[in-house]
Amino acid sequence: MLVSINLALATVCGANCIFCPSDRGDRQIRVMSPELAKEIIDEVCEPDFQRIQGTRSLVLGTRSGF
């Protein structure tokens, strides 16, 4: 089940938080194309997808604290 989907549109993290492991890896900034984002959003918003997966929310961006 995919109750909640968090869709990060870009990787702009500097990995400088005090709790972040120093070996986090690739810190290259990448941005999702609008076309790919729309394709994903359209699929997730389909009633059949929501029914099968049990999806109740779609968050664009990242949620702080997780």
PDB file of N, CA and C in Angstrom:
ATOM      1  N   MET A   1       0.834  -1.194   0.000  1.00  0.00           N
ATOM      2  CA  MET A   1       0.000   0.000   0.000  1.00  0.00           C
ATOM      3  C   MET A   1       0.871   1.247   0.000  1.00  0.00           C
ATOM      4  N   LEU A   2       0.434   2.228  -0.744  1.00  0.00           N
ATOM      5  CA  LEU A   2       1.105   3.529  -0.803  1.00  0.00           C
ATOM      6  C   LEU A   2       0.145   4.579  -0.251  1.00  0.00           C
ATOM      7  N   VAL A   3      -0.017   4.619   1.048  1.00  0.00           N
ATOM      8  CA  VAL A   3      -0.996   5.502   1.673  1.00  0.00           C
ATOM      9  C   VAL A   3      -0.663   6.963   1.410  1.00  0.00           C
ATOM     10  N   SER A   4       0.618   7.313   1.476  1.00  0.00           N
ATOM     11  CA  SER A   4       1.043   8.683   1.223  1.00  0.00           C
ATOM     12  C   SER A   4       2.260   8.651   0.313  1.00  0.00           C
ATOM     13  N   ILE A   5       2.256   9.483  -0.710  1.00  0.00           N
ATOM     14  CA  ILE A   5       3.373   9.563  -1.639  1.00  0.00           C
ATOM     15  C   ILE A   5       3.988  10.953  -1.522  1.00  0.00           C
ATOM     16  N   ASN A   6       5.295  11.002  -1.266  1.00  0.00           N
ATOM     17  CA  ASN A   6       6.036  12.259  -1.219  1.00  0.00           C
ATOM     18  C   ASN A   6       6.862  12.350  -2.490  1.00  0.00           C
ATOM     19  N   LEU A   7       6.576  13.335  -3.300  1.00  0.00           N
ATOM     20  CA  LEU A   7       7.255  13.501  -4.579  1.00  0.00           C
ATOM     21  C   LEU A   7       8.205  14.692  -4.480  1.00  0.00           C
ATOM     22  N   ALA A   8       9.498  14.404  -4.397  1.00  0.00           N
ATOM     23  CA  ALA A   8      10.511  15.450  -4.335  1.00  0.00           C
ATOM     24  C   ALA A   8      10.819  15.905  -5.757  1.00  0.00           C
ATOM     25  N   LEU A   9      10.573  17.165  -6.043  1.00  0.00           N
ATOM     26  CA  LEU A   9      10.769  17.693  -7.394  1.00  0.00           C
ATOM     27  C   LEU A   9      12.211  18.092  -7.670  1.00  0.00           C
ATOM     28  N   ALA A  10      13.021  18.210  -6.619  1.00  0.00           N
ATOM     29  CA  ALA A  10      14.419  18.577  -6.790  1.00  0.00           C
ATOM     30  C   ALA A  10      15.229  18.063  -5.613  1.00  0.00           C
ATOM     31  N   THR A  11      16.512  17.861  -5.851  1.00  0.00           N
ATOM     32  CA  THR A  11      17.426  17.509  -4.775  1.00  0.00           C
ATOM     33  C   THR A  11      18.322  18.718  -4.535  1.00  0.00           C
ATOM     34  N   VAL A  12      17.972  19.500  -3.580  1.00  0.00           N
ATOM     35  CA  VAL A  12      18.749  20.705  -3.291  1.00  0.00           C
ATOM     36  C   VAL A  12      19.312  20.672  -1.874  1.00  0.00           C
ATOM     37  N   CYS A  13      19.330  19.505  -1.282  1.00  0.00           N
ATOM     38  CA  CYS A  13      19.833  19.346   0.077  1.00  0.00           C
ATOM     39  C   CYS A  13      21.340  19.547   0.101  1.00  0.00           C
ATOM     40  N   GLY A  14      21.797  20.339   1.039  1.00  0.00           N
ATOM     41  CA  GLY A  14      23.226  20.536   1.208  1.00  0.00           C
ATOM     42  C   GLY A  14      23.856  19.498   2.114  1.00  0.00           C
ATOM     43  N   ALA A  15      23.014  18.626   2.697  1.00  0.00           N
ATOM     44  CA  ALA A  15      23.464  17.565   3.611  1.00  0.00           C
ATOM     45  C   ALA A  15      24.322  18.138   4.727  1.00  0.00           C
ATOM     46  N   ASN A  16      23.885  19.256   5.294  1.00  0.00           N
ATOM     47  CA  ASN A  16      24.642  19.903   6.358  1.00  0.00           C
ATOM     48  C   ASN A  16      23.955  19.831   7.719  1.00  0.00           C
ATOM     49  N   CYS A  17      22.840  19.102   7.814  1.00  0.00           N
ATOM     50  CA  CYS A  17      22.144  18.994   9.097  1.00  0.00           C
ATOM     51  C   CYS A  17      23.012  18.235  10.091  1.00  0.00           C
ATOM     52  N   ILE A  18      22.916  18.583  11.344  1.00  0.00           N
ATOM     53  CA  ILE A  18      23.742  17.970  12.378  1.00  0.00           C
ATOM     54  C   ILE A  18      23.514  16.462  12.473  1.00  0.00           C
ATOM     55  N   PHE A  19      22.322  15.999  12.144  1.00  0.00           N
ATOM     56  CA  PHE A  19      22.005  14.583  12.236  1.00  0.00           C
ATOM     57  C   PHE A  19      22.260  13.819  10.945  1.00  0.00           C
ATOM     58  N   CYS A  20      22.713  14.491   9.892  1.00  0.00           N
ATOM     59  CA  CYS A  20      22.941  13.851   8.601  1.00  0.00           C
ATOM     60  C   CYS A  20      24.268  13.092   8.608  1.00  0.00           C
ATOM     61  N   PRO A  21      24.254  11.830   8.144  1.00  0.00           N
ATOM     62  CA  PRO A  21      25.525  11.096   8.074  1.00  0.00           C
ATOM     63  C   PRO A  21      26.475  11.741   7.075  1.00  0.00           C
ATOM     64  N   SER A  22      27.731  11.774   7.413  1.00  0.00           N
ATOM     65  CA  SER A  22      28.723  12.436   6.544  1.00  0.00           C
ATOM     66  C   SER A  22      28.943  11.690   5.237  1.00  0.00           C
ATOM     67  N   ASP A  23      28.599  10.410   5.192  1.00  0.00           N
ATOM     68  CA  ASP A  23      28.811   9.626   3.976  1.00  0.00           C
ATOM     69  C   ASP A  23      27.527   9.487   3.175  1.00  0.00           C
ATOM     70  N   ARG A  24      26.719  10.514   3.197  1.00  0.00           N
ATOM     71  CA  ARG A  24      25.402  10.473   2.557  1.00  0.00           C
ATOM     72  C   ARG A  24      25.492  10.175   1.060  1.00  0.00           C
ATOM     73  N   GLY A  25      26.588  10.510   0.446  1.00  0.00           N
ATOM     74  CA  GLY A  25      26.751  10.187  -0.972  1.00  0.00           C
ATOM     75  C   GLY A  25      26.558  11.378  -1.878  1.00  0.00           C
ATOM     76  N   ASP A  26      26.004  11.108  -3.040  1.00  0.00           N
ATOM     77  CA  ASP A  26      25.840  12.097  -4.106  1.00  0.00           C
ATOM     78  C   ASP A  26      25.041  13.300  -3.642  1.00  0.00           C
ATOM     79  N   ARG A  27      25.630  14.476  -3.743  1.00  0.00           N
ATOM     80  CA  ARG A  27      24.950  15.713  -3.345  1.00  0.00           C
ATOM     81  C   ARG A  27      24.679  16.610  -4.551  1.00  0.00           C
ATOM     82  N   GLN A  28      24.710  16.026  -5.733  1.00  0.00           N
ATOM     83  CA  GLN A  28      24.466  16.785  -6.952  1.00  0.00           C
ATOM     84  C   GLN A  28      23.014  17.253  -6.998  1.00  0.00           C
ATOM     85  N   ILE A  29      22.806  18.491  -7.402  1.00  0.00           N
ATOM     86  CA  ILE A  29      21.460  19.050  -7.505  1.00  0.00           C
ATOM     87  C   ILE A  29      20.831  18.564  -8.809  1.00  0.00           C
ATOM     88  N   ARG A  30      19.648  17.977  -8.666  1.00  0.00           N
ATOM     89  CA  ARG A  30      18.902  17.499  -9.823  1.00  0.00           C
ATOM     90  C   ARG A  30      17.480  18.024  -9.708  1.00  0.00           C
ATOM     91  N   VAL A  31      16.874  18.331 -10.849  1.00  0.00           N
ATOM     92  CA  VAL A  31      15.503  18.835 -10.885  1.00  0.00           C
ATOM     93  C   VAL A  31      14.689  17.950 -11.825  1.00  0.00           C
ATOM     94  N   MET A  32      13.518  17.504 -11.345  1.00  0.00           N
ATOM     95  CA  MET A  32      12.632  16.665 -12.158  1.00  0.00           C
ATOM     96  C   MET A  32      11.993  17.522 -13.243  1.00  0.00           C
ATOM     97  N   SER A  33      11.902  16.979 -14.430  1.00  0.00           N
ATOM     98  CA  SER A  33      11.278  17.726 -15.525  1.00  0.00           C
ATOM     99  C   SER A  33       9.777  17.876 -15.253  1.00  0.00           C
ATOM    100  N   PRO A  34       9.198  18.983 -15.699  1.00  0.00           N
ATOM    101  CA  PRO A  34       7.754  19.171 -15.520  1.00  0.00           C
ATOM    102  C   PRO A  34       6.947  18.051 -16.179  1.00  0.00           C
ATOM    103  N   GLU A  35       7.433  17.536 -17.299  1.00  0.00           N
ATOM    104  CA  GLU A  35       6.719  16.467 -17.992  1.00  0.00           C
ATOM    105  C   GLU A  35       6.664  15.191 -17.148  1.00  0.00           C
ATOM    106  N   LEU A  36       7.785  14.826 -16.535  1.00  0.00           N
ATOM    107  CA  LEU A  36       7.817  13.632 -15.697  1.00  0.00           C
ATOM    108  C   LEU A  36       6.961  13.825 -14.445  1.00  0.00           C
ATOM    109  N   ALA A  37       7.041  15.005 -13.842  1.00  0.00           N
ATOM    110  CA  ALA A  37       6.217  15.291 -12.665  1.00  0.00           C
ATOM    111  C   ALA A  37       4.734  15.169 -13.004  1.00  0.00           C
ATOM    112  N   LYS A  38       4.324  15.720 -14.138  1.00  0.00           N
ATOM    113  CA  LYS A  38       2.915  15.639 -14.552  1.00  0.00           C
ATOM    114  C   LYS A  38       2.507  14.189 -14.787  1.00  0.00           C
ATOM    115  N   GLU A  39       3.372  13.405 -15.415  1.00  0.00           N
ATOM    116  CA  GLU A  39       3.070  12.002 -15.683  1.00  0.00           C
ATOM    117  C   GLU A  39       2.844  11.232 -14.368  1.00  0.00           C
ATOM    118  N   ILE A  40       3.708  11.463 -13.399  1.00  0.00           N
ATOM    119  CA  ILE A  40       3.581  10.795 -12.104  1.00  0.00           C
ATOM    120  C   ILE A  40       2.313  11.245 -11.385  1.00  0.00           C
ATOM    121  N   ILE A  41       2.073  12.552 -11.354  1.00  0.00           N
ATOM    122  CA  ILE A  41       0.885  13.096 -10.680  1.00  0.00           C
ATOM    123  C   ILE A  41      -0.388  12.574 -11.322  1.00  0.00           C
ATOM    124  N   ASP A  42      -0.429  12.560 -12.659  1.00  0.00           N
ATOM    125  CA  ASP A  42      -1.614  12.040 -13.360  1.00  0.00           C
ATOM    126  C   ASP A  42      -1.878  10.582 -12.991  1.00  0.00           C
ATOM    127  N   GLU A  43      -0.820   9.775 -12.936  1.00  0.00           N
ATOM    128  CA  GLU A  43      -0.993   8.357 -12.608  1.00  0.00           C
ATOM    129  C   GLU A  43      -1.479   8.181 -11.171  1.00  0.00           C
ATOM    130  N   VAL A  44      -0.885   8.902 -10.251  1.00  0.00           N
ATOM    131  CA  VAL A  44      -1.255   8.789  -8.835  1.00  0.00           C
ATOM    132  C   VAL A  44      -2.681   9.277  -8.583  1.00  0.00           C
ATOM    133  N   CYS A  45      -3.155  10.209  -9.381  1.00  0.00           N
ATOM    134  CA  CYS A  45      -4.494  10.767  -9.198  1.00  0.00           C
ATOM    135  C   CYS A  45      -5.596   9.930  -9.844  1.00  0.00           C
ATOM    136  N   GLU A  46      -5.228   8.904 -10.579  1.00  0.00           N
ATOM    137  CA  GLU A  46      -6.228   8.019 -11.185  1.00  0.00           C
ATOM    138  C   GLU A  46      -7.003   7.283 -10.089  1.00  0.00           C
ATOM    139  N   PRO A  47      -8.335   7.271 -10.166  1.00  0.00           N
ATOM    140  CA  PRO A  47      -9.133   6.570  -9.146  1.00  0.00           C
ATOM    141  C   PRO A  47      -8.750   5.102  -8.970  1.00  0.00           C
ATOM    142  N   ASP A  48      -8.428   4.405 -10.064  1.00  0.00           N
ATOM    143  CA  ASP A  48      -8.032   2.997  -9.957  1.00  0.00           C
ATOM    144  C   ASP A  48      -6.728   2.848  -9.177  1.00  0.00           C
ATOM    145  N   PHE A  49      -5.777   3.750  -9.413  1.00  0.00           N
ATOM    146  CA  PHE A  49      -4.505   3.709  -8.686  1.00  0.00           C
ATOM    147  C   PHE A  49      -4.760   3.912  -7.199  1.00  0.00           C
ATOM    148  N   GLN A  50      -5.582   4.913  -6.873  1.00  0.00           N
ATOM    149  CA  GLN A  50      -5.871   5.215  -5.464  1.00  0.00           C
ATOM    150  C   GLN A  50      -6.594   4.050  -4.796  1.00  0.00           C
ATOM    151  N   ARG A  51      -7.506   3.423  -5.496  1.00  0.00           N
ATOM    152  CA  ARG A  51      -8.262   2.301  -4.938  1.00  0.00           C
ATOM    153  C   ARG A  51      -7.351   1.107  -4.689  1.00  0.00           C
ATOM    154  N   ILE A  52      -6.519   0.774  -5.670  1.00  0.00           N
ATOM    155  CA  ILE A  52      -5.635  -0.390  -5.557  1.00  0.00           C
ATOM    156  C   ILE A  52      -4.546  -0.167  -4.506  1.00  0.00           C
ATOM    157  N   GLN A  53      -3.957   1.023  -4.507  1.00  0.00           N
ATOM    158  CA  GLN A  53      -2.836   1.304  -3.611  1.00  0.00           C
ATOM    159  C   GLN A  53      -3.274   1.847  -2.242  1.00  0.00           C
ATOM    160  N   GLY A  54      -4.506   2.312  -2.127  1.00  0.00           N
ATOM    161  CA  GLY A  54      -4.961   2.892  -0.867  1.00  0.00           C
ATOM    162  C   GLY A  54      -4.376   4.272  -0.615  1.00  0.00           C
ATOM    163  N   THR A  55      -3.991   4.951  -1.687  1.00  0.00           N
ATOM    164  CA  THR A  55      -3.348   6.255  -1.557  1.00  0.00           C
ATOM    165  C   THR A  55      -4.340   7.322  -1.107  1.00  0.00           C
ATOM    166  N   ARG A  56      -3.939   8.071  -0.083  1.00  0.00           N
ATOM    167  CA  ARG A  56      -4.800   9.123   0.458  1.00  0.00           C
ATOM    168  C   ARG A  56      -4.205  10.512   0.324  1.00  0.00           C
ATOM    169  N   SER A  57      -2.885  10.582   0.089  1.00  0.00           N
ATOM    170  CA  SER A  57      -2.283  11.913  -0.035  1.00  0.00           C
ATOM    171  C   SER A  57      -1.069  11.878  -0.944  1.00  0.00           C
ATOM    172  N   LEU A  58      -0.845  13.011  -1.576  1.00  0.00           N
ATOM    173  CA  LEU A  58       0.320  13.235  -2.425  1.00  0.00           C
ATOM    174  C   LEU A  58       0.931  14.549  -1.986  1.00  0.00           C
ATOM    175  N   VAL A  59       2.177  14.498  -1.547  1.00  0.00           N
ATOM    176  CA  VAL A  59       2.877  15.686  -1.075  1.00  0.00           C
ATOM    177  C   VAL A  59       3.934  16.050  -2.108  1.00  0.00           C
ATOM    178  N   LEU A  60       3.875  17.267  -2.617  1.00  0.00           N
ATOM    179  CA  LEU A  60       4.893  17.750  -3.558  1.00  0.00           C
ATOM    180  C   LEU A  60       5.962  18.482  -2.773  1.00  0.00           C
ATOM    181  N   GLY A  61       7.193  18.085  -2.961  1.00  0.00           N
ATOM    182  CA  GLY A  61       8.290  18.641  -2.181  1.00  0.00           C
ATOM    183  C   GLY A  61       8.663  17.655  -1.088  1.00  0.00           C
ATOM    184  N   THR A  62       9.422  18.085  -0.141  1.00  0.00           N
ATOM    185  CA  THR A  62       9.798  17.203   0.958  1.00  0.00           C
ATOM    186  C   THR A  62       9.157  17.675   2.243  1.00  0.00           C
ATOM    187  N   ARG A  63       8.933  16.753   3.113  1.00  0.00           N
ATOM    188  CA  ARG A  63       8.334  17.068   4.411  1.00  0.00           C
ATOM    189  C   ARG A  63       9.461  17.179   5.428  1.00  0.00           C
ATOM    190  N   SER A  64       9.521  18.296   6.120  1.00  0.00           N
ATOM    191  CA  SER A  64      10.549  18.434   7.146  1.00  0.00           C
ATOM    192  C   SER A  64      10.209  17.556   8.338  1.00  0.00           C
ATOM    193  N   GLY A  65      11.226  17.065   8.979  1.00  0.00           N
ATOM    194  CA  GLY A  65      11.032  16.229  10.151  1.00  0.00           C
ATOM    195  C   GLY A  65      11.016  14.750   9.846  1.00  0.00           C
ATOM    196  N   PHE A  66      11.137  14.378   8.577  1.00  0.00           N
ATOM    197  CA  PHE A  66      11.150  12.958   8.219  1.00  0.00           C
ATOM    198  C   PHE A  66      12.435  12.608   7.527  1.00  0.00           C
TER     199      PHE A  66
END
